[in-house]
N, C-alpha and C. Protein backbone atom coordinates (compact mmCIF):
# COMPACT_ATOMS: atom_id res chain seq x y z
N MET A 1 13.61 -3.37 -18.83
CA MET A 1 14.07 -3.00 -17.49
C MET A 1 13.64 -4.07 -16.47
N THR A 2 14.55 -4.40 -15.61
CA THR A 2 14.21 -5.48 -14.65
C THR A 2 13.43 -4.91 -13.45
N PRO A 3 12.71 -5.77 -12.75
CA PRO A 3 11.93 -5.35 -11.62
C PRO A 3 12.76 -4.71 -10.54
N VAL A 4 14.08 -5.09 -10.48
CA VAL A 4 14.97 -4.43 -9.49
C VAL A 4 15.22 -2.90 -9.87
N HIS A 5 15.37 -2.81 -11.16
CA HIS A 5 15.64 -1.34 -11.65
C HIS A 5 14.43 -0.51 -11.30
N VAL A 6 13.20 -1.10 -11.63
CA VAL A 6 12.01 -0.30 -11.36
C VAL A 6 11.89 -0.01 -9.90
N ALA A 7 12.12 -1.00 -9.06
CA ALA A 7 12.02 -0.75 -7.64
C ALA A 7 13.07 0.32 -7.17
N LEU A 8 14.26 0.29 -7.67
CA LEU A 8 15.28 1.32 -7.32
C LEU A 8 14.83 2.60 -7.76
N ARG A 9 14.28 2.71 -8.97
CA ARG A 9 13.81 4.00 -9.41
C ARG A 9 12.65 4.52 -8.57
N TRP A 10 11.69 3.60 -8.19
CA TRP A 10 10.59 4.15 -7.34
C TRP A 10 11.12 4.54 -6.04
N ALA A 11 12.13 3.81 -5.42
CA ALA A 11 12.63 4.15 -4.22
C ALA A 11 13.30 5.55 -4.28
N PHE A 12 13.98 5.84 -5.26
CA PHE A 12 14.59 7.16 -5.49
C PHE A 12 13.48 8.26 -5.60
N VAL A 13 12.49 7.97 -6.38
CA VAL A 13 11.40 8.97 -6.61
C VAL A 13 10.64 9.22 -5.23
N ILE A 14 10.41 8.13 -4.48
CA ILE A 14 9.67 8.24 -3.23
C ILE A 14 10.59 9.05 -2.24
N ALA A 15 11.87 8.73 -2.18
CA ALA A 15 12.79 9.52 -1.26
C ALA A 15 12.77 10.97 -1.61
N VAL A 16 12.94 11.31 -2.92
CA VAL A 16 12.97 12.66 -3.27
C VAL A 16 11.66 13.45 -3.01
N ALA A 17 10.55 12.80 -3.31
CA ALA A 17 9.15 13.32 -2.97
C ALA A 17 9.07 13.58 -1.48
N PHE A 18 9.42 12.65 -0.72
CA PHE A 18 9.32 12.74 0.70
C PHE A 18 10.21 13.91 1.25
N VAL A 19 11.39 14.09 0.73
CA VAL A 19 12.16 15.26 1.16
C VAL A 19 11.53 16.55 0.80
N LEU A 20 11.05 16.56 -0.51
CA LEU A 20 10.35 17.83 -0.96
C LEU A 20 9.09 18.13 -0.17
N GLN A 21 8.33 17.10 0.17
CA GLN A 21 7.11 17.23 0.93
C GLN A 21 7.51 17.80 2.31
N VAL A 22 8.40 17.18 3.02
CA VAL A 22 8.67 17.59 4.39
C VAL A 22 9.51 18.85 4.45
N GLY A 23 10.47 19.02 3.54
CA GLY A 23 11.34 20.11 3.61
C GLY A 23 10.90 21.42 2.88
N LEU A 24 10.13 21.20 1.84
CA LEU A 24 9.82 22.38 0.99
C LEU A 24 8.30 22.69 1.01
N VAL A 25 7.53 21.66 0.60
CA VAL A 25 6.12 21.90 0.48
C VAL A 25 5.47 22.22 1.78
N ALA A 26 5.93 21.69 2.81
CA ALA A 26 5.36 21.95 4.15
C ALA A 26 5.50 23.38 4.61
N GLN A 27 6.39 24.15 3.92
CA GLN A 27 6.49 25.54 4.18
C GLN A 27 5.47 26.47 3.65
N PHE A 28 4.66 25.88 2.63
CA PHE A 28 3.67 26.58 1.95
C PHE A 28 2.32 26.24 2.52
N HIS A 29 1.52 27.25 2.64
CA HIS A 29 0.19 26.98 3.22
C HIS A 29 -0.92 27.70 2.53
N PRO A 30 -1.09 27.35 1.24
CA PRO A 30 -2.23 27.99 0.41
C PRO A 30 -3.50 27.78 1.20
N PHE A 31 -4.22 28.84 1.44
CA PHE A 31 -5.59 28.83 2.11
C PHE A 31 -5.49 28.11 3.51
N GLY A 32 -4.26 28.17 4.09
CA GLY A 32 -4.18 27.53 5.36
C GLY A 32 -4.03 26.04 5.41
N VAL A 33 -3.59 25.45 4.25
CA VAL A 33 -3.51 24.02 4.16
C VAL A 33 -2.16 23.69 3.66
N ILE A 34 -1.54 22.56 4.23
CA ILE A 34 -0.30 22.09 3.68
C ILE A 34 -0.58 21.10 2.59
N PRO A 35 -0.22 21.35 1.33
CA PRO A 35 -0.51 20.50 0.24
C PRO A 35 0.12 19.15 0.44
N ASP A 36 -0.48 18.14 -0.05
CA ASP A 36 -0.06 16.68 0.08
C ASP A 36 0.32 16.31 -1.33
N VAL A 37 1.67 16.33 -1.65
CA VAL A 37 2.12 15.87 -2.90
C VAL A 37 2.31 14.38 -2.93
N MET A 38 2.45 13.80 -1.81
CA MET A 38 2.64 12.30 -1.73
C MET A 38 1.37 11.55 -2.23
N VAL A 39 0.31 12.09 -1.96
CA VAL A 39 -1.04 11.37 -2.46
C VAL A 39 -1.05 11.60 -4.00
N VAL A 40 -0.69 12.76 -4.44
CA VAL A 40 -0.68 12.98 -5.84
C VAL A 40 0.32 11.90 -6.57
N LEU A 41 1.45 11.79 -5.99
CA LEU A 41 2.39 10.83 -6.57
C LEU A 41 1.83 9.37 -6.62
N ALA A 42 1.21 8.98 -5.47
CA ALA A 42 0.55 7.70 -5.46
C ALA A 42 -0.54 7.49 -6.51
N VAL A 43 -1.35 8.59 -6.74
CA VAL A 43 -2.31 8.48 -7.78
C VAL A 43 -1.72 8.33 -9.08
N CYS A 44 -0.67 9.09 -9.37
CA CYS A 44 -0.03 9.09 -10.60
C CYS A 44 0.67 7.73 -10.87
N ALA A 45 1.16 7.09 -9.73
CA ALA A 45 1.67 5.69 -9.95
C ALA A 45 0.69 4.68 -10.38
N GLY A 46 -0.58 4.86 -9.80
CA GLY A 46 -1.66 3.97 -10.28
C GLY A 46 -2.03 4.19 -11.69
N LEU A 47 -2.08 5.48 -12.09
CA LEU A 47 -2.52 5.93 -13.42
C LEU A 47 -1.44 5.52 -14.49
N SER A 48 -0.15 5.58 -14.06
CA SER A 48 0.81 5.22 -14.99
C SER A 48 1.21 3.71 -15.07
N GLY A 49 1.15 3.07 -13.96
CA GLY A 49 1.64 1.74 -13.90
C GLY A 49 0.53 0.64 -13.79
N GLY A 50 -0.69 1.09 -13.59
CA GLY A 50 -1.80 0.11 -13.34
C GLY A 50 -2.07 -0.12 -11.88
N ALA A 51 -3.12 -0.94 -11.69
CA ALA A 51 -3.64 -1.30 -10.36
C ALA A 51 -2.63 -1.83 -9.34
N GLN A 52 -1.94 -2.92 -9.82
CA GLN A 52 -1.01 -3.56 -8.94
C GLN A 52 0.14 -2.64 -8.61
N ARG A 53 0.70 -2.04 -9.61
CA ARG A 53 1.90 -1.16 -9.35
C ARG A 53 1.49 0.02 -8.49
N GLY A 54 0.28 0.54 -8.82
CA GLY A 54 -0.23 1.67 -7.94
C GLY A 54 -0.45 1.26 -6.50
N ALA A 55 -0.99 0.04 -6.31
CA ALA A 55 -1.17 -0.39 -4.90
C ALA A 55 0.15 -0.49 -4.09
N VAL A 56 1.14 -1.15 -4.76
CA VAL A 56 2.41 -1.27 -4.13
C VAL A 56 3.15 -0.02 -3.81
N VAL A 57 3.22 0.77 -4.89
CA VAL A 57 3.92 2.08 -4.72
C VAL A 57 3.12 2.99 -3.81
N GLY A 58 1.81 3.02 -3.93
CA GLY A 58 0.98 3.81 -2.91
C GLY A 58 1.20 3.42 -1.54
N TRP A 59 1.26 2.13 -1.27
CA TRP A 59 1.55 1.65 0.05
C TRP A 59 2.92 2.19 0.60
N TRP A 60 3.95 2.08 -0.26
CA TRP A 60 5.31 2.43 0.27
C TRP A 60 5.39 3.96 0.34
N ILE A 61 4.66 4.71 -0.46
CA ILE A 61 4.66 6.17 -0.35
C ILE A 61 3.98 6.61 0.95
N GLY A 62 2.81 5.93 1.21
CA GLY A 62 2.06 6.21 2.43
C GLY A 62 2.85 5.83 3.69
N LEU A 63 3.52 4.68 3.65
CA LEU A 63 4.30 4.23 4.79
C LEU A 63 5.48 5.15 5.10
N VAL A 64 6.17 5.58 4.03
CA VAL A 64 7.28 6.49 4.28
C VAL A 64 6.84 7.87 4.83
N PHE A 65 5.65 8.29 4.33
CA PHE A 65 5.08 9.58 4.72
C PHE A 65 4.59 9.48 6.24
N ASP A 66 4.16 8.29 6.62
CA ASP A 66 3.66 8.09 8.01
C ASP A 66 4.82 8.07 9.03
N LEU A 67 5.98 7.60 8.61
CA LEU A 67 7.04 7.32 9.55
C LEU A 67 7.35 8.60 10.52
N PRO A 68 7.43 9.75 10.00
CA PRO A 68 7.82 10.86 10.95
C PRO A 68 6.63 11.48 11.65
N ARG A 69 5.34 11.06 11.19
CA ARG A 69 4.19 11.68 11.79
C ARG A 69 3.66 10.83 12.87
N THR A 70 3.54 11.46 14.06
CA THR A 70 3.11 10.62 15.22
C THR A 70 1.68 10.97 15.66
N GLU A 71 0.96 11.83 14.95
CA GLU A 71 -0.29 12.25 15.43
C GLU A 71 -1.38 11.27 15.04
N HIS A 72 -1.04 10.25 14.23
CA HIS A 72 -2.08 9.16 13.91
C HIS A 72 -1.24 7.84 13.82
N PRO A 73 -2.05 6.75 13.87
CA PRO A 73 -1.37 5.45 13.80
C PRO A 73 -0.58 5.18 12.49
N LEU A 74 0.53 4.52 12.63
CA LEU A 74 1.37 4.23 11.53
C LEU A 74 0.58 3.38 10.54
N GLY A 75 0.52 3.74 9.32
CA GLY A 75 -0.03 2.90 8.28
C GLY A 75 -1.33 3.45 7.72
N LEU A 76 -1.88 4.53 8.35
CA LEU A 76 -3.10 5.06 7.78
C LEU A 76 -2.93 5.67 6.42
N SER A 77 -1.92 6.45 6.23
CA SER A 77 -1.64 6.94 4.94
C SER A 77 -1.34 5.87 3.91
N ALA A 78 -0.63 4.82 4.37
CA ALA A 78 -0.20 3.77 3.53
C ALA A 78 -1.38 3.06 3.00
N LEU A 79 -2.50 2.80 3.89
CA LEU A 79 -3.67 2.20 3.50
C LEU A 79 -4.57 3.02 2.49
N ALA A 80 -4.58 4.32 2.83
CA ALA A 80 -5.44 5.19 2.02
C ALA A 80 -4.79 5.35 0.60
N TYR A 81 -3.43 5.57 0.57
CA TYR A 81 -2.71 5.79 -0.68
C TYR A 81 -2.71 4.49 -1.56
N CYS A 82 -2.63 3.32 -0.88
CA CYS A 82 -2.60 2.11 -1.56
C CYS A 82 -4.02 1.82 -2.21
N LEU A 83 -5.06 2.06 -1.49
CA LEU A 83 -6.44 1.87 -2.03
C LEU A 83 -6.73 2.82 -3.14
N ILE A 84 -6.38 4.10 -3.00
CA ILE A 84 -6.78 5.08 -3.99
C ILE A 84 -5.89 4.88 -5.27
N ALA A 85 -4.68 4.50 -5.14
CA ALA A 85 -3.82 4.21 -6.29
C ALA A 85 -4.28 2.89 -6.99
N PHE A 86 -4.72 1.96 -6.25
CA PHE A 86 -5.29 0.76 -6.87
C PHE A 86 -6.54 1.12 -7.67
N ALA A 87 -7.41 1.92 -7.07
CA ALA A 87 -8.68 2.29 -7.75
C ALA A 87 -8.40 3.04 -9.02
N VAL A 88 -7.43 4.00 -8.95
CA VAL A 88 -7.03 4.70 -10.11
C VAL A 88 -6.47 3.83 -11.22
N GLY A 89 -5.70 2.82 -10.78
CA GLY A 89 -5.12 1.83 -11.67
C GLY A 89 -6.11 1.04 -12.43
N ILE A 90 -7.22 0.77 -11.68
CA ILE A 90 -8.37 -0.06 -12.26
C ILE A 90 -9.08 0.96 -13.34
N ALA A 91 -9.17 2.15 -12.97
CA ALA A 91 -9.80 3.08 -13.94
C ALA A 91 -8.93 3.56 -15.13
N GLN A 92 -7.73 3.00 -15.07
CA GLN A 92 -6.71 3.48 -16.11
C GLN A 92 -7.23 3.18 -17.52
N VAL A 93 -8.09 2.12 -17.65
CA VAL A 93 -8.56 1.80 -18.98
C VAL A 93 -9.30 3.04 -19.62
N VAL A 94 -10.10 3.62 -18.77
CA VAL A 94 -10.88 4.82 -19.16
C VAL A 94 -9.92 5.98 -19.58
N VAL A 95 -8.86 6.22 -18.84
CA VAL A 95 -7.99 7.25 -19.09
C VAL A 95 -7.19 7.01 -20.39
N LEU A 96 -6.85 5.67 -20.68
CA LEU A 96 -6.10 5.41 -21.89
C LEU A 96 -6.81 5.94 -23.16
N GLN A 97 -8.13 6.06 -23.08
CA GLN A 97 -8.89 6.41 -24.28
C GLN A 97 -9.26 7.85 -24.26
N SER A 98 -8.70 8.63 -23.26
CA SER A 98 -8.95 10.07 -23.16
C SER A 98 -7.69 10.85 -23.20
N GLY A 99 -7.78 12.14 -23.13
CA GLY A 99 -6.60 13.04 -23.26
C GLY A 99 -6.00 13.50 -21.90
N ARG A 100 -5.15 14.40 -22.07
CA ARG A 100 -4.47 14.88 -20.94
C ARG A 100 -5.40 15.65 -19.93
N THR A 101 -6.35 16.27 -20.36
CA THR A 101 -7.33 16.99 -19.50
C THR A 101 -7.99 16.00 -18.62
N MET A 102 -8.38 14.94 -19.24
CA MET A 102 -9.08 13.91 -18.35
C MET A 102 -8.26 13.35 -17.36
N SER A 103 -6.92 12.98 -17.70
CA SER A 103 -6.07 12.51 -16.71
C SER A 103 -5.71 13.50 -15.61
N MET A 104 -5.71 14.85 -15.95
CA MET A 104 -5.44 15.81 -14.89
C MET A 104 -6.62 15.91 -14.00
N LEU A 105 -7.81 15.77 -14.57
CA LEU A 105 -9.05 15.72 -13.70
C LEU A 105 -9.09 14.57 -12.79
N ILE A 106 -8.68 13.39 -13.39
CA ILE A 106 -8.74 12.16 -12.52
C ILE A 106 -7.68 12.23 -11.40
N VAL A 107 -6.48 12.83 -11.74
CA VAL A 107 -5.51 12.90 -10.64
C VAL A 107 -5.99 13.89 -9.63
N ALA A 108 -6.65 14.97 -9.95
CA ALA A 108 -7.19 15.97 -9.03
C ALA A 108 -8.25 15.36 -8.10
N ALA A 109 -9.21 14.58 -8.74
CA ALA A 109 -10.35 14.00 -7.99
C ALA A 109 -9.77 12.91 -7.14
N ALA A 110 -8.93 12.08 -7.69
CA ALA A 110 -8.46 10.92 -6.90
C ALA A 110 -7.62 11.36 -5.67
N SER A 111 -6.81 12.49 -5.88
CA SER A 111 -6.01 12.93 -4.81
C SER A 111 -6.84 13.46 -3.70
N ALA A 112 -7.96 14.11 -3.94
CA ALA A 112 -8.90 14.58 -2.96
C ALA A 112 -9.57 13.41 -2.30
N LEU A 113 -9.96 12.40 -3.12
CA LEU A 113 -10.59 11.19 -2.55
C LEU A 113 -9.64 10.40 -1.71
N GLY A 114 -8.38 10.37 -1.97
CA GLY A 114 -7.34 9.73 -1.09
C GLY A 114 -7.28 10.48 0.28
N VAL A 115 -7.34 11.82 0.30
CA VAL A 115 -7.38 12.47 1.53
C VAL A 115 -8.58 12.20 2.31
N LEU A 116 -9.68 12.16 1.60
CA LEU A 116 -10.98 11.85 2.30
C LEU A 116 -10.99 10.47 2.87
N LEU A 117 -10.47 9.54 2.11
CA LEU A 117 -10.35 8.10 2.66
C LEU A 117 -9.43 8.16 3.97
N PHE A 118 -8.31 8.90 3.88
CA PHE A 118 -7.49 8.98 5.05
C PHE A 118 -8.28 9.62 6.27
N ALA A 119 -9.15 10.56 6.07
CA ALA A 119 -9.97 11.16 7.07
C ALA A 119 -10.89 10.09 7.62
N VAL A 120 -11.59 9.31 6.76
CA VAL A 120 -12.46 8.26 7.19
C VAL A 120 -11.70 7.23 8.05
N GLU A 121 -10.54 6.87 7.58
CA GLU A 121 -9.74 5.88 8.36
C GLU A 121 -9.39 6.49 9.76
N SER A 122 -8.99 7.70 9.74
CA SER A 122 -8.62 8.37 11.00
C SER A 122 -9.70 8.42 11.99
N GLN A 123 -10.96 8.61 11.54
CA GLN A 123 -12.11 8.62 12.30
C GLN A 123 -12.20 7.24 13.13
N PHE A 124 -11.87 6.21 12.51
CA PHE A 124 -11.99 4.88 13.12
C PHE A 124 -11.04 4.82 14.40
N PHE A 125 -9.91 5.56 14.34
CA PHE A 125 -8.89 5.51 15.42
C PHE A 125 -9.06 6.72 16.31
N GLY A 126 -10.22 7.30 16.42
CA GLY A 126 -10.39 8.47 17.32
C GLY A 126 -10.00 9.75 16.80
N GLY A 127 -9.68 9.91 15.59
CA GLY A 127 -9.36 11.22 15.02
C GLY A 127 -10.65 12.04 14.77
N ASP A 128 -10.46 13.26 14.45
CA ASP A 128 -11.58 14.12 14.18
C ASP A 128 -11.56 14.81 12.81
N ALA A 129 -10.81 14.10 11.88
CA ALA A 129 -10.64 14.65 10.60
C ALA A 129 -11.92 14.82 9.78
N LEU A 130 -12.89 13.89 10.02
CA LEU A 130 -14.24 13.97 9.31
C LEU A 130 -15.13 15.09 9.81
N THR A 131 -15.02 15.41 11.01
CA THR A 131 -15.84 16.42 11.64
C THR A 131 -15.08 17.81 11.60
N SER A 132 -13.88 17.89 11.11
CA SER A 132 -13.14 19.09 11.03
C SER A 132 -13.90 20.07 10.05
N THR A 133 -13.94 21.37 10.48
CA THR A 133 -14.55 22.36 9.57
C THR A 133 -13.64 22.65 8.46
N ASP A 134 -12.36 22.25 8.54
CA ASP A 134 -11.39 22.55 7.43
C ASP A 134 -11.42 21.51 6.36
N LEU A 135 -12.17 20.42 6.51
CA LEU A 135 -12.02 19.30 5.58
C LEU A 135 -12.37 19.67 4.18
N VAL A 136 -13.38 20.50 3.98
CA VAL A 136 -13.68 20.86 2.50
C VAL A 136 -12.52 21.69 1.96
N ARG A 137 -11.96 22.59 2.72
CA ARG A 137 -10.85 23.40 2.22
C ARG A 137 -9.73 22.55 1.92
N ILE A 138 -9.36 21.56 2.81
CA ILE A 138 -8.23 20.65 2.55
C ILE A 138 -8.47 19.86 1.23
N LEU A 139 -9.68 19.34 1.10
CA LEU A 139 -9.99 18.57 -0.14
C LEU A 139 -9.85 19.41 -1.39
N LEU A 140 -10.31 20.68 -1.29
CA LEU A 140 -10.23 21.59 -2.48
C LEU A 140 -8.75 21.89 -2.90
N VAL A 141 -7.93 22.22 -1.82
CA VAL A 141 -6.55 22.48 -2.02
C VAL A 141 -5.76 21.26 -2.56
N THR A 142 -6.15 20.13 -2.03
CA THR A 142 -5.54 18.80 -2.56
C THR A 142 -5.93 18.57 -4.00
N ALA A 143 -7.18 18.79 -4.34
CA ALA A 143 -7.57 18.58 -5.74
C ALA A 143 -6.86 19.70 -6.62
N LEU A 144 -6.72 20.92 -6.19
CA LEU A 144 -5.99 21.78 -7.08
C LEU A 144 -4.47 21.49 -7.17
N VAL A 145 -3.93 21.11 -6.11
CA VAL A 145 -2.52 20.70 -6.26
C VAL A 145 -2.37 19.43 -7.11
N GLY A 146 -3.29 18.56 -7.02
CA GLY A 146 -3.28 17.41 -7.87
C GLY A 146 -3.33 17.73 -9.31
N ALA A 147 -4.31 18.70 -9.64
CA ALA A 147 -4.36 19.18 -11.01
C ALA A 147 -3.17 19.82 -11.52
N LEU A 148 -2.65 20.65 -10.68
CA LEU A 148 -1.43 21.46 -11.10
C LEU A 148 -0.17 20.48 -11.22
N LEU A 149 -0.12 19.47 -10.40
CA LEU A 149 1.08 18.59 -10.49
C LEU A 149 0.89 17.31 -11.31
N SER A 150 -0.26 17.19 -11.88
CA SER A 150 -0.58 15.86 -12.53
C SER A 150 0.35 15.63 -13.62
N ARG A 151 0.71 16.56 -14.50
CA ARG A 151 1.65 16.35 -15.64
C ARG A 151 2.99 15.92 -15.17
N LEU A 152 3.46 16.70 -14.17
CA LEU A 152 4.83 16.34 -13.62
C LEU A 152 4.78 14.95 -12.95
N GLY A 153 3.74 14.66 -12.25
CA GLY A 153 3.63 13.38 -11.42
C GLY A 153 3.54 12.22 -12.40
N LEU A 154 2.82 12.48 -13.47
CA LEU A 154 2.67 11.30 -14.50
C LEU A 154 3.97 11.05 -15.17
N ARG A 155 4.74 12.15 -15.49
CA ARG A 155 6.01 11.90 -16.17
C ARG A 155 7.04 11.31 -15.21
N VAL A 156 7.03 11.70 -13.97
CA VAL A 156 7.99 11.06 -12.98
C VAL A 156 7.58 9.61 -12.85
N ALA A 157 6.23 9.34 -12.71
CA ALA A 157 5.92 7.87 -12.54
C ALA A 157 6.18 7.10 -13.74
N GLY A 158 6.05 7.67 -14.84
CA GLY A 158 6.36 6.98 -16.23
C GLY A 158 7.78 6.70 -16.23
N TRP A 159 8.67 7.60 -15.78
CA TRP A 159 10.20 7.41 -15.80
C TRP A 159 10.45 6.22 -14.75
N ALA A 160 9.86 6.26 -13.63
CA ALA A 160 10.14 5.23 -12.65
C ALA A 160 9.62 3.89 -13.11
N ASP A 161 8.46 3.81 -13.83
CA ASP A 161 7.96 2.50 -14.33
C ASP A 161 8.79 1.93 -15.42
N GLY A 162 9.46 2.85 -16.19
CA GLY A 162 10.24 2.38 -17.29
C GLY A 162 9.42 2.54 -18.62
N PRO A 163 10.10 2.50 -19.73
CA PRO A 163 9.44 2.83 -21.01
C PRO A 163 8.38 1.72 -21.42
N GLU A 164 8.52 0.48 -20.98
CA GLU A 164 7.60 -0.58 -21.45
C GLU A 164 6.32 -0.53 -20.67
N THR A 165 6.16 0.28 -19.64
CA THR A 165 4.89 0.23 -18.89
C THR A 165 4.19 1.56 -18.88
N ARG A 166 4.66 2.49 -19.63
CA ARG A 166 4.08 3.85 -19.68
C ARG A 166 2.71 3.79 -20.26
N SER A 167 1.74 4.57 -19.67
CA SER A 167 0.40 4.62 -20.19
C SER A 167 0.28 5.93 -21.12
N ALA A 168 -0.80 5.91 -21.84
CA ALA A 168 -1.14 7.03 -22.66
C ALA A 168 -1.60 8.24 -21.82
N ALA A 169 -1.79 8.13 -20.50
CA ALA A 169 -2.11 9.24 -19.67
C ALA A 169 -1.09 10.30 -19.48
N GLU A 170 0.16 9.81 -19.85
CA GLU A 170 1.25 10.81 -19.77
C GLU A 170 1.13 11.78 -20.89
């Protein structure tokens, strides 16, 4: 599969995920929190495609997710998702030697860490995400959503990456 085909597949996946996030997932509020499936997809990109692919895809996912949101500076999600997807891609070696349960736990933990990283970045720009009393609840819901969607996210990321780059985490 050529790099152009991979890029087109990822563009399609990001567009569909964005529409689902904004149009469908935003309607659900488990424990008063809107789940963030975009960070889960970024983490799965890093886990499936490695550090470099995760960083690039995570950046694009975050940038697309930031475009309609005006409550924070453009690029905060892009930076957070890029960094967390890169870190997960680096940790991919550990996941290759473990089973599905471990990859599910890594997606859950990394998704929560991605949201925490966003909160830290937001604090630098005058946000109050770190001091919010809801932060722990947001992190827990994000981890739960990450765990529940990890299998689907890894399969979608594996499809977008193509058969020659799929990891054993799927």
